[in-house]
């Protein structure tokens, strides 16, 4: 349910499970995350606090609370909850969430440092590599960006985000043919993908292939 953007049925499923396991911490925290995605931050907080009352040093409880705050745009609270001392160390996904919160607060350098720490823990983590790759591309570090996006594609070859990011890295390095090949891969699967069409037109324009760029833009406008 959660992977198909249906948090409310997920909430109902976890609540039904709790009827048979009233204080199971794993289920309570899964329910808290689902409640946050369903828009009920107060109920999510209550479920996390229910875990904390019995397991006050639960690393996972603080991380789920941080996630709930992030989902609701409370980025300072996300950082506060994620940074609380607790048993165990945060994993790459939790550190990645801190980086995302810092990005939302405009702290790009601090965010990049969090992403690098997360990548050191899990070098192949797809979301961490995506985030670090896009930051690297934005700062014109195209080799690092390409490396990150290649890493994502090794584990998720169907990732359109990674393929477009890789194309951006190639475009920044003036390897226009390689960039076009990546856009064509995306468009082969999704012919109407707006970002791929627009960026393909841009690369064709940079390469002096103006008529082809106009054709692509006509396809986009159609």
C-alpha atoms as a PDB file:
ATOM      1  CA  UNK A   1       0.000   0.000   0.000  1.00  0.00           C
ATOM      2  CA  UNK A   2       2.723   2.498   0.911  1.00  0.00           C
ATOM      3  CA  UNK A   3       4.700   1.819  -2.253  1.00  0.00           C
ATOM      4  CA  UNK A   4       1.584   2.664  -4.281  1.00  0.00           C
ATOM      5  CA  UNK A   5       0.818   5.884  -2.362  1.00  0.00           C
ATOM      6  CA  UNK A   6      -2.077   4.436  -0.369  1.00  0.00           C
ATOM      7  CA  UNK A   7      -1.114   5.162   3.241  1.00  0.00           C
ATOM      8  CA  UNK A   8      -4.609   4.879   4.722  1.00  0.00           C
ATOM      9  CA  UNK A   9      -5.049   1.160   3.900  1.00  0.00           C
ATOM     10  CA  UNK A  10      -1.530   0.653   5.265  1.00  0.00           C
ATOM     11  CA  UNK A  11      -2.597   2.322   8.519  1.00  0.00           C
ATOM     12  CA  UNK A  12      -5.600   0.014   8.737  1.00  0.00           C
ATOM     13  CA  UNK A  13      -3.419  -3.028   8.096  1.00  0.00           C
ATOM     14  CA  UNK A  14      -0.965  -2.149  10.864  1.00  0.00           C
ATOM     15  CA  UNK A  15      -3.798  -1.318  13.272  1.00  0.00           C
ATOM     16  CA  UNK A  16      -5.341  -4.729  12.606  1.00  0.00           C
ATOM     17  CA  UNK A  17      -1.990  -6.361  13.300  1.00  0.00           C
ATOM     18  CA  UNK A  18      -1.737  -4.513  16.623  1.00  0.00           C
ATOM     19  CA  UNK A  19      -4.974  -6.104  17.775  1.00  0.00           C
ATOM     20  CA  UNK A  20      -2.948  -9.309  18.096  1.00  0.00           C
ATOM     21  CA  UNK A  21       0.346  -7.727  19.204  1.00  0.00           C
ATOM     22  CA  UNK A  22      -0.590  -4.652  21.227  1.00  0.00           C
ATOM     23  CA  UNK A  23       2.860  -3.307  22.028  1.00  0.00           C
ATOM     24  CA  UNK A  24       5.044  -4.738  19.272  1.00  0.00           C
ATOM     25  CA  UNK A  25       7.552  -1.909  18.732  1.00  0.00           C
ATOM     26  CA  UNK A  26       8.269  -2.693  15.085  1.00  0.00           C
ATOM     27  CA  UNK A  27       4.576  -2.596  14.180  1.00  0.00           C
ATOM     28  CA  UNK A  28       3.984   0.554  16.202  1.00  0.00           C
ATOM     29  CA  UNK A  29       6.782   2.347  14.361  1.00  0.00           C
ATOM     30  CA  UNK A  30       5.594   1.126  10.966  1.00  0.00           C
ATOM     31  CA  UNK A  31       2.152   2.412  11.886  1.00  0.00           C
ATOM     32  CA  UNK A  32       3.648   5.765  12.935  1.00  0.00           C
ATOM     33  CA  UNK A  33       5.362   6.162   9.554  1.00  0.00           C
ATOM     34  CA  UNK A  34       2.147   5.256   7.731  1.00  0.00           C
ATOM     35  CA  UNK A  35       0.147   7.722   9.841  1.00  0.00           C
ATOM     36  CA  UNK A  36       2.629  10.464   8.970  1.00  0.00           C
ATOM     37  CA  UNK A  37       2.210   9.733   5.281  1.00  0.00           C
ATOM     38  CA  UNK A  38      -1.563   9.690   5.727  1.00  0.00           C
ATOM     39  CA  UNK A  39      -1.378  13.238   7.118  1.00  0.00           C
ATOM     40  CA  UNK A  40      -1.889  12.574  10.840  1.00  0.00           C
ATOM     41  CA  UNK A  41       1.276  13.844  12.514  1.00  0.00           C
ATOM     42  CA  UNK A  42      -0.231  13.919  16.009  1.00  0.00           C
ATOM     43  CA  UNK A  43      -1.205  10.236  15.832  1.00  0.00           C
ATOM     44  CA  UNK A  44       2.223   9.383  14.448  1.00  0.00           C
ATOM     45  CA  UNK A  45       3.894  11.189  17.357  1.00  0.00           C
ATOM     46  CA  UNK A  46       1.693   9.330  19.832  1.00  0.00           C
ATOM     47  CA  UNK A  47       2.641   5.931  18.415  1.00  0.00           C
ATOM     48  CA  UNK A  48       6.344   6.805  18.554  1.00  0.00           C
ATOM     49  CA  UNK A  49       5.970   8.032  22.132  1.00  0.00           C
ATOM     50  CA  UNK A  50       4.229   4.763  22.975  1.00  0.00           C
ATOM     51  CA  UNK A  51       7.430   2.968  21.935  1.00  0.00           C
ATOM     52  CA  UNK A  52       9.673   5.482  23.711  1.00  0.00           C
ATOM     53  CA  UNK A  53       7.853   5.049  27.008  1.00  0.00           C
ATOM     54  CA  UNK A  54       8.968   1.422  27.109  1.00  0.00           C
ATOM     55  CA  UNK A  55      12.193   1.688  25.095  1.00  0.00           C
ATOM     56  CA  UNK A  56      13.495   5.239  25.731  1.00  0.00           C
ATOM     57  CA  UNK A  57      16.792   4.600  23.948  1.00  0.00           C
ATOM     58  CA  UNK A  58      15.258   3.216  20.756  1.00  0.00           C
ATOM     59  CA  UNK A  59      17.285   4.492  17.810  1.00  0.00           C
ATOM     60  CA  UNK A  60      14.546   3.482  15.405  1.00  0.00           C
ATOM     61  CA  UNK A  61      11.892   5.410  17.327  1.00  0.00           C
ATOM     62  CA  UNK A  62      13.813   8.659  16.965  1.00  0.00           C
ATOM     63  CA  UNK A  63      14.445   7.982  13.287  1.00  0.00           C
ATOM     64  CA  UNK A  64      10.759   7.331  12.579  1.00  0.00           C
ATOM     65  CA  UNK A  65       9.875  10.518  14.460  1.00  0.00           C
ATOM     66  CA  UNK A  66      12.382  12.409  12.309  1.00  0.00           C
ATOM     67  CA  UNK A  67      10.761  10.959   9.206  1.00  0.00           C
ATOM     68  CA  UNK A  68       7.298  12.012  10.387  1.00  0.00           C
ATOM     69  CA  UNK A  69       8.491  15.582  10.900  1.00  0.00           C
ATOM     70  CA  UNK A  70      10.169  15.600   7.483  1.00  0.00           C
ATOM     71  CA  UNK A  71       6.987  14.426   5.742  1.00  0.00           C
ATOM     72  CA  UNK A  72       5.126  17.334   7.365  1.00  0.00           C
ATOM     73  CA  UNK A  73       7.721  19.958   6.466  1.00  0.00           C
ATOM     74  CA  UNK A  74       9.035  20.466   9.992  1.00  0.00           C
ATOM     75  CA  UNK A  75      12.663  20.228   8.999  1.00  0.00           C
ATOM     76  CA  UNK A  76      14.235  21.691  12.147  1.00  0.00           C
ATOM     77  CA  UNK A  77      12.318  19.172  14.249  1.00  0.00           C
ATOM     78  CA  UNK A  78      13.405  16.429  11.858  1.00  0.00           C
ATOM     79  CA  UNK A  79      17.052  17.302  12.482  1.00  0.00           C
ATOM     80  CA  UNK A  80      16.475  17.546  16.231  1.00  0.00           C
ATOM     81  CA  UNK A  81      14.790  14.137  16.449  1.00  0.00           C
ATOM     82  CA  UNK A  82      17.322  12.462  14.178  1.00  0.00           C
ATOM     83  CA  UNK A  83      20.211  13.890  16.180  1.00  0.00           C
ATOM     84  CA  UNK A  84      19.017  12.732  19.586  1.00  0.00           C
ATOM     85  CA  UNK A  85      21.379  10.382  21.450  1.00  0.00           C
ATOM     86  CA  UNK A  86      20.007   6.849  21.409  1.00  0.00           C
ATOM     87  CA  UNK A  87      21.182   3.262  21.443  1.00  0.00           C
ATOM     88  CA  UNK A  88      22.765   2.238  18.161  1.00  0.00           C
ATOM     89  CA  UNK A  89      24.032   4.275  15.244  1.00  0.00           C
ATOM     90  CA  UNK A  90      21.866   5.756  12.461  1.00  0.00           C
ATOM     91  CA  UNK A  91      22.007   3.905   9.174  1.00  0.00           C
ATOM     92  CA  UNK A  92      22.599   5.362   5.717  1.00  0.00           C
ATOM     93  CA  UNK A  93      18.904   6.001   5.142  1.00  0.00           C
ATOM     94  CA  UNK A  94      18.566   7.970   8.368  1.00  0.00           C
ATOM     95  CA  UNK A  95      21.621  10.089   7.594  1.00  0.00           C
ATOM     96  CA  UNK A  96      20.263  10.643   4.081  1.00  0.00           C
ATOM     97  CA  UNK A  97      17.047  12.002   5.625  1.00  0.00           C
ATOM     98  CA  UNK A  98      19.088  14.530   7.605  1.00  0.00           C
ATOM     99  CA  UNK A  99      20.723  15.616   4.371  1.00  0.00           C
ATOM    100  CA  UNK A 100      17.333  16.099   2.733  1.00  0.00           C
ATOM    101  CA  UNK A 101      16.123  18.193   5.677  1.00  0.00           C
ATOM    102  CA  UNK A 102      19.244  20.350   5.445  1.00  0.00           C
ATOM    103  CA  UNK A 103      18.624  20.826   1.719  1.00  0.00           C
ATOM    104  CA  UNK A 104      15.104  22.037   2.479  1.00  0.00           C
ATOM    105  CA  UNK A 105      16.635  24.539   4.901  1.00  0.00           C
ATOM    106  CA  UNK A 106      19.047  25.793   2.240  1.00  0.00           C
ATOM    107  CA  UNK A 107      22.145  24.259   3.857  1.00  0.00           C
ATOM    108  CA  UNK A 108      23.573  22.655   0.722  1.00  0.00           C
ATOM    109  CA  UNK A 109      27.143  22.109   1.940  1.00  0.00           C
ATOM    110  CA  UNK A 110      25.996  20.533   5.200  1.00  0.00           C
ATOM    111  CA  UNK A 111      23.559  18.375   3.248  1.00  0.00           C
ATOM    112  CA  UNK A 112      26.319  17.173   0.932  1.00  0.00           C
ATOM    113  CA  UNK A 113      28.407  16.192   3.944  1.00  0.00           C
ATOM    114  CA  UNK A 114      25.511  14.109   5.281  1.00  0.00           C
ATOM    115  CA  UNK A 115      25.126  12.390   1.917  1.00  0.00           C
ATOM    116  CA  UNK A 116      28.859  11.632   1.840  1.00  0.00           C
ATOM    117  CA  UNK A 117      28.654  10.121   5.332  1.00  0.00           C
ATOM    118  CA  UNK A 118      25.688   8.009   4.268  1.00  0.00           C
ATOM    119  CA  UNK A 119      27.536   6.836   1.165  1.00  0.00           C
ATOM    120  CA  UNK A 120      30.521   5.844   3.274  1.00  0.00           C
ATOM    121  CA  UNK A 121      28.213   3.568   5.269  1.00  0.00           C
ATOM    122  CA  UNK A 122      26.434   2.143   2.222  1.00  0.00           C
ATOM    123  CA  UNK A 123      28.310   2.926  -1.016  1.00  0.00           C
ATOM    124  CA  UNK A 124      25.570   1.472  -3.233  1.00  0.00           C
ATOM    125  CA  UNK A 125      22.545   3.084  -1.521  1.00  0.00           C
ATOM    126  CA  UNK A 126      20.424   4.302  -4.482  1.00  0.00           C
ATOM    127  CA  UNK A 127      18.771   7.336  -2.907  1.00  0.00           C
ATOM    128  CA  UNK A 128      21.994   8.539  -1.310  1.00  0.00           C
ATOM    129  CA  UNK A 129      23.790   8.303  -4.645  1.00  0.00           C
ATOM    130  CA  UNK A 130      20.969  10.129  -6.407  1.00  0.00           C
ATOM    131  CA  UNK A 131      21.100  13.002  -3.936  1.00  0.00           C
ATOM    132  CA  UNK A 132      24.874  13.239  -3.976  1.00  0.00           C
ATOM    133  CA  UNK A 133      24.910  12.956  -7.757  1.00  0.00           C
ATOM    134  CA  UNK A 134      22.488  15.820  -8.269  1.00  0.00           C
ATOM    135  CA  UNK A 135      24.438  18.039  -5.862  1.00  0.00           C
ATOM    136  CA  UNK A 136      27.678  17.168  -7.636  1.00  0.00           C
ATOM    137  CA  UNK A 137      26.146  18.004 -11.017  1.00  0.00           C
ATOM    138  CA  UNK A 138      24.843  21.304  -9.660  1.00  0.00           C
ATOM    139  CA  UNK A 139      28.348  22.224  -8.509  1.00  0.00           C
ATOM    140  CA  UNK A 140      29.819  21.173 -11.903  1.00  0.00           C
ATOM    141  CA  UNK A 141      31.612  18.126 -10.452  1.00  0.00           C
ATOM    142  CA  UNK A 142      30.541  16.005 -13.398  1.00  0.00           C
ATOM    143  CA  UNK A 143      32.857  13.010 -12.828  1.00  0.00           C
ATOM    144  CA  UNK A 144      31.490  12.513  -9.301  1.00  0.00           C
ATOM    145  CA  UNK A 145      27.943  12.991 -10.549  1.00  0.00           C
ATOM    146  CA  UNK A 146      28.422  10.392 -13.287  1.00  0.00           C
ATOM    147  CA  UNK A 147      29.939   7.930 -10.806  1.00  0.00           C
ATOM    148  CA  UNK A 148      26.969   8.332  -8.447  1.00  0.00           C
ATOM    149  CA  UNK A 149      24.372   7.884 -11.185  1.00  0.00           C
ATOM    150  CA  UNK A 150      26.177   4.833 -12.586  1.00  0.00           C
ATOM    151  CA  UNK A 151      26.049   3.330  -9.093  1.00  0.00           C
ATOM    152  CA  UNK A 152      22.288   3.830  -8.943  1.00  0.00           C
ATOM    153  CA  UNK A 153      21.792   2.276 -12.380  1.00  0.00           C
ATOM    154  CA  UNK A 154      23.773  -0.804 -11.380  1.00  0.00           C
ATOM    155  CA  UNK A 155      21.099  -1.566  -8.770  1.00  0.00           C
ATOM    156  CA  UNK A 156      18.119   0.129 -10.406  1.00  0.00           C
ATOM    157  CA  UNK A 157      18.597  -0.002 -14.191  1.00  0.00           C
ATOM    158  CA  UNK A 158      15.064   1.331 -14.759  1.00  0.00           C
ATOM    159  CA  UNK A 159      15.627   4.509 -12.731  1.00  0.00           C
ATOM    160  CA  UNK A 160      14.665   7.414 -14.987  1.00  0.00           C
ATOM    161  CA  UNK A 161      15.967   9.894 -12.406  1.00  0.00           C
ATOM    162  CA  UNK A 162      19.433   8.338 -12.488  1.00  0.00           C
ATOM    163  CA  UNK A 163      19.476   8.124 -16.270  1.00  0.00           C
ATOM    164  CA  UNK A 164      18.501  11.772 -16.654  1.00  0.00           C
ATOM    165  CA  UNK A 165      21.054  12.729 -14.006  1.00  0.00           C
ATOM    166  CA  UNK A 166      23.734  10.812 -15.893  1.00  0.00           C
ATOM    167  CA  UNK A 167      22.738  12.609 -19.080  1.00  0.00           C
ATOM    168  CA  UNK A 168      23.103  15.955 -17.274  1.00  0.00           C
ATOM    169  CA  UNK A 169      26.586  14.926 -16.139  1.00  0.00           C
ATOM    170  CA  UNK A 170      27.538  13.996 -19.704  1.00  0.00           C
ATOM    171  CA  UNK A 171      26.085  17.251 -21.006  1.00  0.00           C
ATOM    172  CA  UNK A 172      28.110  19.220 -18.466  1.00  0.00           C
ATOM    173  CA  UNK A 173      31.246  17.399 -19.617  1.00  0.00           C
ATOM    174  CA  UNK A 174      30.330  18.272 -23.246  1.00  0.00           C
ATOM    175  CA  UNK A 175      29.865  14.610 -24.172  1.00  0.00           C
ATOM    176  CA  UNK A 176      26.698  15.324 -26.099  1.00  0.00           C
ATOM    177  CA  UNK A 177      26.403  11.950 -27.836  1.00  0.00           C
ATOM    178  CA  UNK A 178      26.532  10.115 -24.499  1.00  0.00           C
ATOM    179  CA  UNK A 179      23.939  12.511 -23.054  1.00  0.00           C
ATOM    180  CA  UNK A 180      21.607  11.977 -26.007  1.00  0.00           C
ATOM    181  CA  UNK A 181      21.934   8.208 -25.635  1.00  0.00           C
ATOM    182  CA  UNK A 182      20.684   8.444 -22.049  1.00  0.00           C
ATOM    183  CA  UNK A 183      17.747  10.665 -22.973  1.00  0.00           C
ATOM    184  CA  UNK A 184      16.836   8.277 -25.782  1.00  0.00           C
ATOM    185  CA  UNK A 185      16.848   5.372 -23.304  1.00  0.00           C
ATOM    186  CA  UNK A 186      14.325   7.232 -21.149  1.00  0.00           C
ATOM    187  CA  UNK A 187      12.191   8.242 -24.128  1.00  0.00           C
ATOM    188  CA  UNK A 188      12.241   4.689 -25.446  1.00  0.00           C
ATOM    189  CA  UNK A 189      10.379   3.662 -22.284  1.00  0.00           C
ATOM    190  CA  UNK A 190       8.356   6.857 -21.846  1.00  0.00           C
ATOM    191  CA  UNK A 191       8.006   8.813 -25.136  1.00  0.00           C
ATOM    192  CA  UNK A 192       6.211  11.694 -23.470  1.00  0.00           C
ATOM    193  CA  UNK A 193       8.688  12.241 -20.623  1.00  0.00           C
ATOM    194  CA  UNK A 194       8.755  16.058 -20.526  1.00  0.00           C
ATOM    195  CA  UNK A 195      12.109  16.536 -18.802  1.00  0.00           C
ATOM    196  CA  UNK A 196      13.856  14.105 -21.140  1.00  0.00           C
ATOM    197  CA  UNK A 197      12.363  15.808 -24.212  1.00  0.00           C
ATOM    198  CA  UNK A 198      13.307  19.309 -23.084  1.00  0.00           C
ATOM    199  CA  UNK A 199      16.819  18.316 -22.082  1.00  0.00           C
ATOM    200  CA  UNK A 200      17.336  16.375 -25.306  1.00  0.00           C
ATOM    201  CA  UNK A 201      16.362  19.500 -27.237  1.00  0.00           C
ATOM    202  CA  UNK A 202      18.827  21.527 -25.171  1.00  0.00           C
ATOM    203  CA  UNK A 203      21.675  19.108 -25.916  1.00  0.00           C
ATOM    204  CA  UNK A 204      20.841  19.106 -29.635  1.00  0.00           C
ATOM    205  CA  UNK A 205      20.856  22.907 -29.549  1.00  0.00           C
ATOM    206  CA  UNK A 206      24.250  22.970 -27.794  1.00  0.00           C
ATOM    207  CA  UNK A 207      25.583  20.646 -30.499  1.00  0.00           C
ATOM    208  CA  UNK A 208      24.353  22.914 -33.275  1.00  0.00           C
ATOM    209  CA  UNK A 209      21.638  20.484 -34.391  1.00  0.00           C
ATOM    210  CA  UNK A 210      18.924  23.117 -34.426  1.00  0.00           C
ATOM    211  CA  UNK A 211      16.395  21.472 -36.747  1.00  0.00           C
ATOM    212  CA  UNK A 212      16.466  18.293 -34.675  1.00  0.00           C
ATOM    213  CA  UNK A 213      16.043  20.342 -31.497  1.00  0.00           C
ATOM    214  CA  UNK A 214      12.963  22.039 -32.991  1.00  0.00           C
ATOM    215  CA  UNK A 215      11.522  18.655 -33.943  1.00  0.00           C
ATOM    216  CA  UNK A 216      11.908  17.418 -30.376  1.00  0.00           C
ATOM    217  CA  UNK A 217      10.296  20.593 -29.012  1.00  0.00           C
ATOM    218  CA  UNK A 218       7.396  20.156 -31.433  1.00  0.00           C
ATOM    219  CA  UNK A 219       6.942  16.632 -30.075  1.00  0.00           C
ATOM    220  CA  UNK A 220       6.918  18.023 -26.551  1.00  0.00           C
ATOM    221  CA  UNK A 221       4.384  20.749 -27.322  1.00  0.00           C
ATOM    222  CA  UNK A 222       2.138  18.229 -29.077  1.00  0.00           C
END
